[in-house]
Structures are given as C-alpha cells and as structure tokens.
Amino acid sequence: MRRFRFLRDPDPAAVGDSVEAFLSWLDGPACLYVSGADDSRCRAFVTLLHGNEPSGAMALWRWLRHGERPAVNLVCIVASVTAALTEPLFTHRMLPRARDLNRCFRPPFDDAQGRLAEEILELLRLHRPEAVVDMHNTSGSGPSFAVCTFPDRQHDALAALFTGRLIISHLDLGALMERSDQRCPTVTIEVGGRLDDAAHCCAWEGLCRYAAAGDIFSAGAREGGLERLTDPVRLELRAGVSLTYAQRPCAGHDITLRPDIEQHNFGNVGPQVVLGWTGGIPGRLFRAVDASGACAVDRLVRIEAGELRPAGPLKLFMVTTNAAIAQDDCLFYAVADDGRPISA
C-alpha cells in the first residue's frame, strides 16, 4: 500500500496561506513534482523527516507560493506530516512508539517507519536525481552546517549552497544521507534551531539557490572554502540513566546539564568548562565509540569534584537542551578543537 500523495506542478494558490495550511492540504506524506526549464534532469529535496523540524517545510511552502519554475525538474518529498500536525504543532519528532524515520533508511523495512523510508528510497530511484538535499533543524539552537559521508567536489558544492560548514561523518545510523554515492550525491543540511529566524532564512535562501542554479556543482563555490569537521563522536546516555537541565545539581537525576549548554554549539571548549554535574562514573553513564570502534568516553568527558567537564580541547555541535532527544539520540557530537578526529 503506497503512503505518498503525488502532486504535479501544484497551483500556487492551492498550497494555502500558511505552512500549517500547506501541510493540512497535503494530509500525509507527499511527493510534489515541479517541472523545470530543463526537463532532462532532476534533483530532489527532502524535508520533514522529523515532525519537529519545520524550516524545510516552511521554505518549500514559501517557494511553491511564489510559483517559481526551477532550473531542472524538482522532486520534493515531505515525510512526517502527521507528526508535524499533531498538537502542539511542530513539537513531535515522530509519533509515540514510532522509530526515528532518519534511522530507517537501511533494512529491515519491517515496520511503518521502515516502509515509509523504503518508499522514499523507491521514489528517489524512480526519479534518478542528480543530487539529494535532506533538510533538517538542529536539536538545539545553533549555526547551520552540512553533513556528508565522504568529501568530494560535488558534496562540497552542495553544502556550500546552504552553509559554510561541512561535517564528514562515517557513522552508520541508517540516515538518508548515508545512501549517497557518486551518481547521486546526498547531503544533510542542518539549518539551525527550529525556533531560530536565522534557520528559516537559511532554509529559504538555500532552497532558492538549489532550485534556480543550472549547475549546482559550480554554483555553490565559496571563497575560502568550507570549514571541515571530520569523524565526530556521539556522546550518548546509557540505558536507564536519567537527565535533567538546571543551574545546579538536581537530586533524583543521574546527570544535570547546564540549561545554557547550547551556547557551546560550534564553540571550542576545554577542561575548565563546566557542562553540568554528576556523582557517577563516566563509563557507566555514557557511551561513545570512535571511527575505529573503540570506546571514546574518557576522551570526551571527565568528572572532577562532581562537575562534568570536557576531557580536553574539543569542538562541540548538535548540543541539545531537549532531554527526550538527548536520551533517545545523543547529548552532542564532538571533534578535536581543530576540527580533526579525536585522537586515541
């Protein structure tokens, strides 16, 4: 049973006068095909894999309302519409008891989210796009960046259409961008926090460049190139570890993180920085695995007199103050302060 609604060259007047009206009109996962000036080529734009990440859907609604004609055919996939429209709007990453859709792009596709991911992959195979952009908001407030699985000229150019930072990650999480290959380069674009005006602006301006460029692999060139961060390590909570955010240690929780910890997104931190408080032992609280498969917890954090601090000079990103995301996904990603992998 197919789950997607298919729409070709939608009338700008039909998409509604707000992003909420647009999603209500879609009424579920949708694939919108917009004919380009050059109909011999196609590129793809994927958004709302997570229902609490509205910037991509907002940019797409605004672009459709303008009635723009793209340079080449543009296939737009809007996925977690139901989760996004579940009250309160744009607060549910996925529906209760559902898997994270952006962890489902690998077999087995044996549940509802897996089958939805499989259908997205089928749509991309059907249209054979020259590139795929998968747009997200970060789990916390912070600047934009792109993520890809291997660096080359094509991935660099795609990233540079949207941002000045590129993460090269070899993590195997089941994300859409992990399906990238040289025939169809795929990047994740993290435009910033879901409540940040700068994120909405980044999404809109980047989508306009992506849709309008005749050659996206030359249009994204940036003077000075991209800032690169390589092989980040995820700091995750172990099962059963409780977490909260507060200005001081909270009884009844294994870990208390500072409520302003988001200020360290893409900032350099050293052992003098207090991230939070805990009375536990790092190896029993956290899990972190580097690119070689070795435990990296002691290279990320240490505990001194009950204070949780970086173990050394690091650069952090995807730092979140959402306890549910921190527990279900990760607390943050880290590389060495010069952007290189954290050495053993």
Protein backbone atom coordinates (compact mmCIF):
# COMPACT_ATOMS: atom_id res chain seq x y z
CA MET A 1 0.00 0.00 0.00
CA ARG A 2 1.53 3.32 -1.08
CA ARG A 3 1.53 6.04 1.54
CA PHE A 4 2.51 9.07 -0.51
CA ARG A 5 0.19 11.56 -2.14
CA PHE A 6 1.55 12.58 -5.56
CA LEU A 7 1.14 16.12 -6.86
CA ARG A 8 2.49 17.51 -10.13
CA ASP A 9 3.05 21.23 -10.63
CA PRO A 10 0.74 22.31 -7.80
CA ASP A 11 -1.17 25.58 -8.25
CA PRO A 12 0.48 28.23 -6.02
CA ALA A 13 -2.99 29.25 -4.82
CA ALA A 14 -3.73 25.70 -3.65
CA VAL A 15 -0.88 25.36 -1.15
CA GLY A 16 -2.54 27.57 1.46
CA ASP A 17 -1.71 30.82 3.21
CA SER A 18 0.49 29.26 5.91
CA VAL A 19 2.80 26.30 6.31
CA GLU A 20 0.20 24.71 8.61
CA ALA A 21 -2.45 25.05 5.90
CA PHE A 22 0.02 23.60 3.38
CA LEU A 23 0.63 20.52 5.50
CA SER A 24 -3.08 20.10 6.20
CA TRP A 25 -3.67 20.23 2.44
CA LEU A 26 -1.05 17.50 1.93
CA ASP A 27 -2.80 15.41 4.61
CA GLY A 28 0.06 12.97 4.96
CA PRO A 29 3.37 12.09 3.27
CA ALA A 30 3.58 13.74 -0.14
CA CYS A 31 5.76 13.84 -3.23
CA LEU A 32 5.49 17.07 -5.22
CA TYR A 33 6.94 17.15 -8.74
CA VAL A 34 7.70 20.60 -10.16
CA SER A 35 8.63 20.74 -13.85
CA GLY A 36 11.87 22.54 -14.64
CA ALA A 37 13.07 24.64 -17.55
CA ASP A 38 15.35 21.71 -18.41
CA ASP A 39 13.19 18.59 -18.15
CA SER A 40 16.04 16.22 -18.97
CA ARG A 41 17.42 16.39 -15.43
CA CYS A 42 16.04 16.15 -11.91
CA ARG A 43 17.16 16.92 -8.38
CA ALA A 44 15.46 16.09 -5.08
CA PHE A 45 14.60 18.00 -1.92
CA VAL A 46 13.56 16.01 1.17
CA THR A 47 12.20 17.63 4.30
CA LEU A 48 10.23 16.96 7.48
CA LEU A 49 11.73 13.54 8.13
CA HIS A 50 11.28 14.77 11.71
CA GLY A 51 7.96 16.39 12.56
CA ASN A 52 9.51 18.94 14.92
CA GLU A 53 11.81 20.45 12.27
CA PRO A 54 9.72 22.98 10.33
CA SER A 55 12.24 25.17 8.46
CA GLY A 56 12.41 23.00 5.33
CA ALA A 57 8.63 22.72 5.05
CA MET A 58 8.31 26.47 5.59
CA ALA A 59 10.84 27.17 2.84
CA LEU A 60 9.14 24.75 0.44
CA TRP A 61 5.66 26.23 1.09
CA ARG A 62 7.01 29.74 0.54
CA TRP A 63 8.81 28.69 -2.66
CA LEU A 64 5.69 26.99 -4.05
CA ARG A 65 3.60 30.05 -3.20
CA HIS A 66 5.94 32.17 -5.31
CA GLY A 67 5.20 29.95 -8.31
CA GLU A 68 8.88 29.66 -9.22
CA ARG A 69 9.99 27.41 -12.05
CA PRO A 70 13.15 25.50 -11.16
CA ALA A 71 16.12 25.20 -13.48
CA VAL A 72 15.57 21.42 -13.69
CA ASN A 73 12.77 19.13 -12.51
CA LEU A 74 12.48 19.24 -8.73
CA VAL A 75 11.08 16.33 -6.71
CA CYS A 76 10.07 17.44 -3.22
CA ILE A 77 9.38 14.80 -0.57
CA VAL A 78 7.57 15.87 2.61
CA ALA A 79 7.53 12.97 5.05
CA SER A 80 6.36 13.28 8.67
CA VAL A 81 3.31 15.45 8.01
CA THR A 82 1.10 13.71 10.58
CA ALA A 83 3.69 14.09 13.34
CA ALA A 84 4.20 17.77 12.45
CA LEU A 85 0.44 18.46 12.63
CA THR A 86 -0.07 16.63 15.93
CA GLU A 87 -0.72 19.20 18.67
CA PRO A 88 1.29 21.05 19.78
CA LEU A 89 2.37 21.69 16.17
CA PHE A 90 5.97 21.01 15.19
CA THR A 91 6.92 19.51 18.57
CA HIS A 92 6.79 15.77 17.84
CA ARG A 93 9.93 14.32 16.27
CA MET A 94 7.85 11.25 15.45
CA LEU A 95 4.59 9.81 16.72
CA PRO A 96 4.57 7.87 20.01
CA ARG A 97 6.25 4.45 19.80
CA ALA A 98 7.40 5.11 16.22
CA ARG A 99 11.04 4.78 15.21
CA ASP A 100 13.09 7.80 14.19
CA LEU A 101 12.48 7.93 10.42
CA ASN A 102 16.02 9.13 9.74
CA ARG A 103 17.34 5.91 11.27
CA CYS A 104 15.24 3.70 8.96
CA PHE A 105 16.99 4.01 5.58
CA ARG A 106 18.52 0.55 5.73
CA PRO A 107 16.96 -2.92 6.01
CA PRO A 108 14.94 -4.37 7.54
CA PHE A 109 12.00 -2.22 6.42
CA ASP A 110 9.59 -4.21 8.56
CA ASP A 111 7.57 -1.56 10.43
CA ALA A 112 5.57 1.51 9.41
CA GLN A 113 8.55 3.87 9.56
CA GLY A 114 10.77 1.40 7.73
CA ARG A 115 8.23 1.01 4.95
CA LEU A 116 7.92 4.79 4.69
CA ALA A 117 11.71 5.08 4.37
CA GLU A 118 11.75 2.30 1.77
CA GLU A 119 9.13 4.16 -0.28
CA ILE A 120 11.20 7.35 -0.13
CA LEU A 121 14.16 5.38 -1.48
CA GLU A 122 11.93 3.96 -4.23
CA LEU A 123 10.84 7.48 -5.20
CA LEU A 124 14.45 8.59 -5.44
CA ARG A 125 15.38 5.55 -7.54
CA LEU A 126 12.42 6.20 -9.82
CA HIS A 127 13.34 9.83 -10.49
CA ARG A 128 17.13 9.33 -10.55
CA PRO A 129 18.03 12.81 -9.25
CA GLU A 130 21.45 14.30 -9.87
CA ALA A 131 21.55 15.28 -6.18
CA VAL A 132 19.52 14.99 -2.97
CA VAL A 133 19.28 17.60 -0.22
CA ASP A 134 17.76 16.40 3.05
CA MET A 135 16.91 19.45 5.19
CA HIS A 136 16.70 19.39 8.98
CA ASN A 137 16.68 21.66 12.01
CA THR A 138 19.25 21.03 14.70
CA SER A 139 18.04 19.61 18.03
CA GLY A 140 19.28 22.76 19.77
CA SER A 141 19.84 26.36 18.82
CA GLY A 142 22.98 26.98 16.80
CA PRO A 143 24.51 27.80 13.42
CA SER A 144 23.94 25.89 10.18
CA PHE A 145 26.09 23.06 8.82
CA ALA A 146 26.01 20.24 6.29
CA VAL A 147 26.80 16.56 6.75
CA CYS A 148 28.02 14.04 4.18
CA THR A 149 29.62 10.61 4.26
CA PHE A 150 32.63 11.34 2.06
CA PRO A 151 34.18 14.56 0.74
CA ASP A 152 34.44 15.36 -2.95
CA ARG A 153 33.79 18.32 -5.23
CA GLN A 154 30.09 17.51 -5.61
CA HIS A 155 29.34 17.21 -1.89
CA ASP A 156 31.35 20.37 -1.21
CA ALA A 157 29.36 22.32 -3.81
CA LEU A 158 26.01 21.10 -2.50
CA ALA A 159 26.93 22.01 1.07
CA ALA A 160 28.17 25.44 0.04
CA LEU A 161 24.78 26.34 -1.44
CA PHE A 162 23.46 26.41 2.13
CA THR A 163 26.26 26.83 4.67
CA GLY A 164 29.96 27.34 5.33
CA ARG A 165 30.49 24.21 7.48
CA LEU A 166 30.73 20.58 6.41
CA ILE A 167 30.82 17.55 8.71
CA ILE A 168 32.33 14.41 7.21
CA SER A 169 30.84 11.53 9.16
CA HIS A 170 31.31 7.78 8.83
CA LEU A 171 28.72 6.95 11.47
CA ASP A 172 26.33 4.21 10.36
CA LEU A 173 22.97 5.28 11.78
CA GLY A 174 20.55 4.46 8.97
CA ALA A 175 20.24 8.09 7.86
CA LEU A 176 19.19 9.06 4.34
CA MET A 177 22.48 10.81 3.56
CA GLU A 178 24.33 7.53 4.18
CA ARG A 179 22.86 6.28 0.89
CA SER A 180 24.94 8.83 -1.01
CA ASP A 181 27.11 7.73 -3.92
CA GLN A 182 28.92 9.42 -6.81
CA ARG A 183 25.91 9.03 -9.10
CA CYS A 184 23.64 10.83 -6.65
CA PRO A 185 25.48 12.89 -4.02
CA THR A 186 23.34 13.40 -0.93
CA VAL A 187 23.86 15.90 1.88
CA THR A 188 22.05 16.60 5.09
CA ILE A 189 21.58 20.32 5.67
CA GLU A 190 21.09 21.33 9.31
CA VAL A 191 19.88 24.92 9.07
CA GLY A 192 19.82 25.69 12.81
CA GLY A 193 17.30 25.54 15.62
CA ARG A 194 13.61 25.10 14.85
CA LEU A 195 12.71 28.39 16.56
CA ASP A 196 15.56 30.40 15.04
CA ASP A 197 14.69 33.02 12.41
CA ALA A 198 18.20 32.56 11.03
CA ALA A 199 17.40 28.87 10.39
CA HIS A 200 14.23 29.73 8.44
CA CYS A 201 16.21 32.26 6.40
CA CYS A 202 18.99 29.74 5.70
CA ALA A 203 16.42 27.18 4.53
CA TRP A 204 14.62 29.64 2.25
CA GLU A 205 17.70 31.18 0.66
CA GLY A 206 19.40 27.82 0.23
CA LEU A 207 16.35 26.21 -1.38
CA CYS A 208 16.05 29.15 -3.80
CA ARG A 209 19.70 28.73 -4.84
CA TYR A 210 19.32 24.95 -5.13
CA ALA A 211 16.22 25.21 -7.32
CA ALA A 212 17.43 28.08 -9.51
CA ALA A 213 21.00 27.02 -10.30
CA GLY A 214 21.58 25.50 -13.71
CA ASP A 215 24.72 23.76 -12.43
CA ILE A 216 24.58 23.16 -8.69
CA PHE A 217 28.09 21.71 -8.70
CA SER A 218 29.63 25.02 -9.63
CA ALA A 219 27.04 27.42 -8.14
CA GLY A 220 27.99 26.55 -4.56
CA ALA A 221 31.63 27.66 -4.71
CA ARG A 222 32.65 29.75 -1.68
CA GLU A 223 35.67 31.95 -1.26
CA GLY A 224 37.89 30.42 1.38
CA GLY A 225 36.12 27.08 1.09
CA LEU A 226 34.27 25.20 3.80
CA GLU A 227 35.16 24.68 7.42
CA ARG A 228 35.52 20.90 7.75
CA LEU A 229 34.96 18.76 10.82
CA THR A 230 35.88 15.09 10.43
CA ASP A 231 34.63 11.89 12.08
CA PRO A 232 32.68 13.31 15.02
CA VAL A 233 31.98 11.10 18.02
CA ARG A 234 28.50 10.98 19.59
CA LEU A 235 28.17 11.17 23.36
CA GLU A 236 25.15 9.04 24.27
CA LEU A 237 23.48 8.14 27.56
CA ARG A 238 23.48 4.53 28.64
CA ALA A 239 20.12 2.86 29.16
CA GLY A 240 18.40 3.84 32.38
CA VAL A 241 20.48 6.98 33.02
CA SER A 242 18.29 9.96 33.96
CA LEU A 243 19.00 13.50 32.80
CA THR A 244 17.71 16.99 33.53
CA TYR A 245 18.77 20.61 32.89
CA ALA A 246 19.20 23.12 35.71
CA GLN A 247 21.51 25.78 37.16
CA ARG A 248 22.68 23.42 39.90
CA PRO A 249 22.76 19.66 40.59
CA CYS A 250 19.28 18.13 40.91
CA ALA A 251 18.65 15.27 43.31
CA GLY A 252 16.90 12.30 41.77
CA HIS A 253 18.74 12.58 38.43
CA ASP A 254 21.99 10.89 37.46
CA ILE A 255 23.15 13.89 35.40
CA THR A 256 22.25 17.58 35.48
CA LEU A 257 23.37 19.64 32.48
CA ARG A 258 23.55 23.42 32.42
CA PRO A 259 20.47 24.97 30.76
CA ASP A 260 22.74 27.23 28.67
CA ILE A 261 24.85 24.36 27.33
CA GLU A 262 23.65 25.20 23.78
CA GLN A 263 25.98 28.21 23.81
CA HIS A 264 28.83 25.79 23.12
CA ASN A 265 27.48 24.75 19.69
CA PHE A 266 30.47 25.03 17.32
CA GLY A 267 32.49 26.66 20.07
CA ASN A 268 35.80 25.40 21.42
CA VAL A 269 35.64 24.10 24.98
CA GLY A 270 38.39 22.97 27.32
CA PRO A 271 38.68 21.18 30.67
CA GLN A 272 37.89 24.42 32.52
CA VAL A 273 34.31 24.50 31.18
CA VAL A 274 31.58 23.08 33.43
CA LEU A 275 28.96 21.28 31.32
CA GLY A 276 26.94 20.00 34.27
CA TRP A 277 27.09 17.83 37.37
CA THR A 278 27.00 14.14 38.24
CA GLY A 279 28.06 11.83 41.02
CA GLY A 280 28.53 8.89 38.67
CA ILE A 281 31.36 7.32 36.70
CA PRO A 282 31.69 8.37 33.03
CA GLY A 283 31.91 4.84 31.65
CA ARG A 284 28.72 3.82 33.46
CA LEU A 285 26.79 6.93 32.42
CA PHE A 286 27.84 7.45 28.82
CA ARG A 287 28.57 5.60 25.62
CA ALA A 288 30.83 6.94 22.85
CA VAL A 289 32.51 4.99 20.05
CA ASP A 290 35.10 6.45 17.67
CA ALA A 291 35.54 5.64 13.97
CA SER A 292 37.68 2.60 14.80
CA GLY A 293 35.05 1.17 17.15
CA ALA A 294 37.00 1.99 20.33
CA CYS A 295 35.39 3.50 23.41
CA ALA A 296 35.94 7.26 23.45
CA VAL A 297 34.08 8.32 26.61
CA ASP A 298 37.26 9.21 28.53
CA ARG A 299 38.41 11.36 25.58
CA LEU A 300 35.19 13.35 25.66
CA VAL A 301 34.30 13.98 29.30
CA ARG A 302 35.71 13.74 32.81
CA ILE A 303 34.24 14.28 36.27
CA GLU A 304 36.02 16.48 38.79
CA ALA A 305 34.51 17.08 42.24
CA GLY A 306 31.07 16.24 40.85
CA GLU A 307 31.44 18.58 37.87
CA LEU A 308 31.12 17.23 34.32
CA ARG A 309 33.81 18.78 32.14
CA PRO A 310 35.36 18.18 28.68
CA ALA A 311 38.28 15.79 28.88
CA GLY A 312 40.38 18.04 26.61
CA PRO A 313 40.14 20.75 23.96
CA LEU A 314 37.05 19.91 21.88
CA LYS A 315 34.62 21.47 19.43
CA LEU A 316 31.00 20.50 20.18
CA PHE A 317 27.95 20.63 17.95
CA MET A 318 24.34 19.38 17.92
CA VAL A 319 24.27 20.21 21.63
CA THR A 320 20.65 19.99 22.80
CA THR A 321 18.62 21.07 25.81
CA ASN A 322 15.81 18.70 24.87
CA ALA A 323 16.05 15.88 27.40
CA ALA A 324 13.96 13.49 25.28
CA ILE A 325 16.28 13.92 22.27
CA ALA A 326 19.35 13.69 24.49
CA GLN A 327 18.11 10.39 25.92
CA ASP A 328 16.80 8.88 22.67
CA ASP A 329 19.58 10.13 20.37
CA CYS A 330 22.63 11.82 21.87
CA LEU A 331 23.78 14.73 24.07
CA PHE A 332 26.16 16.15 21.48
CA TYR A 333 28.75 15.40 18.81
CA ALA A 334 32.42 16.27 19.26
CA VAL A 335 35.64 16.57 17.31
CA ALA A 336 39.05 17.89 18.34
CA ASP A 337 39.18 21.67 18.65
CA ASP A 338 40.93 21.93 15.27
CA GLY A 339 38.12 20.00 13.54
CA ARG A 340 40.04 16.76 13.23
CA PRO A 341 39.03 13.39 14.68
CA ILE A 342 39.58 12.95 18.39
CA SER A 343 42.85 11.04 18.69
CA ALA A 344 43.24 7.94 20.81
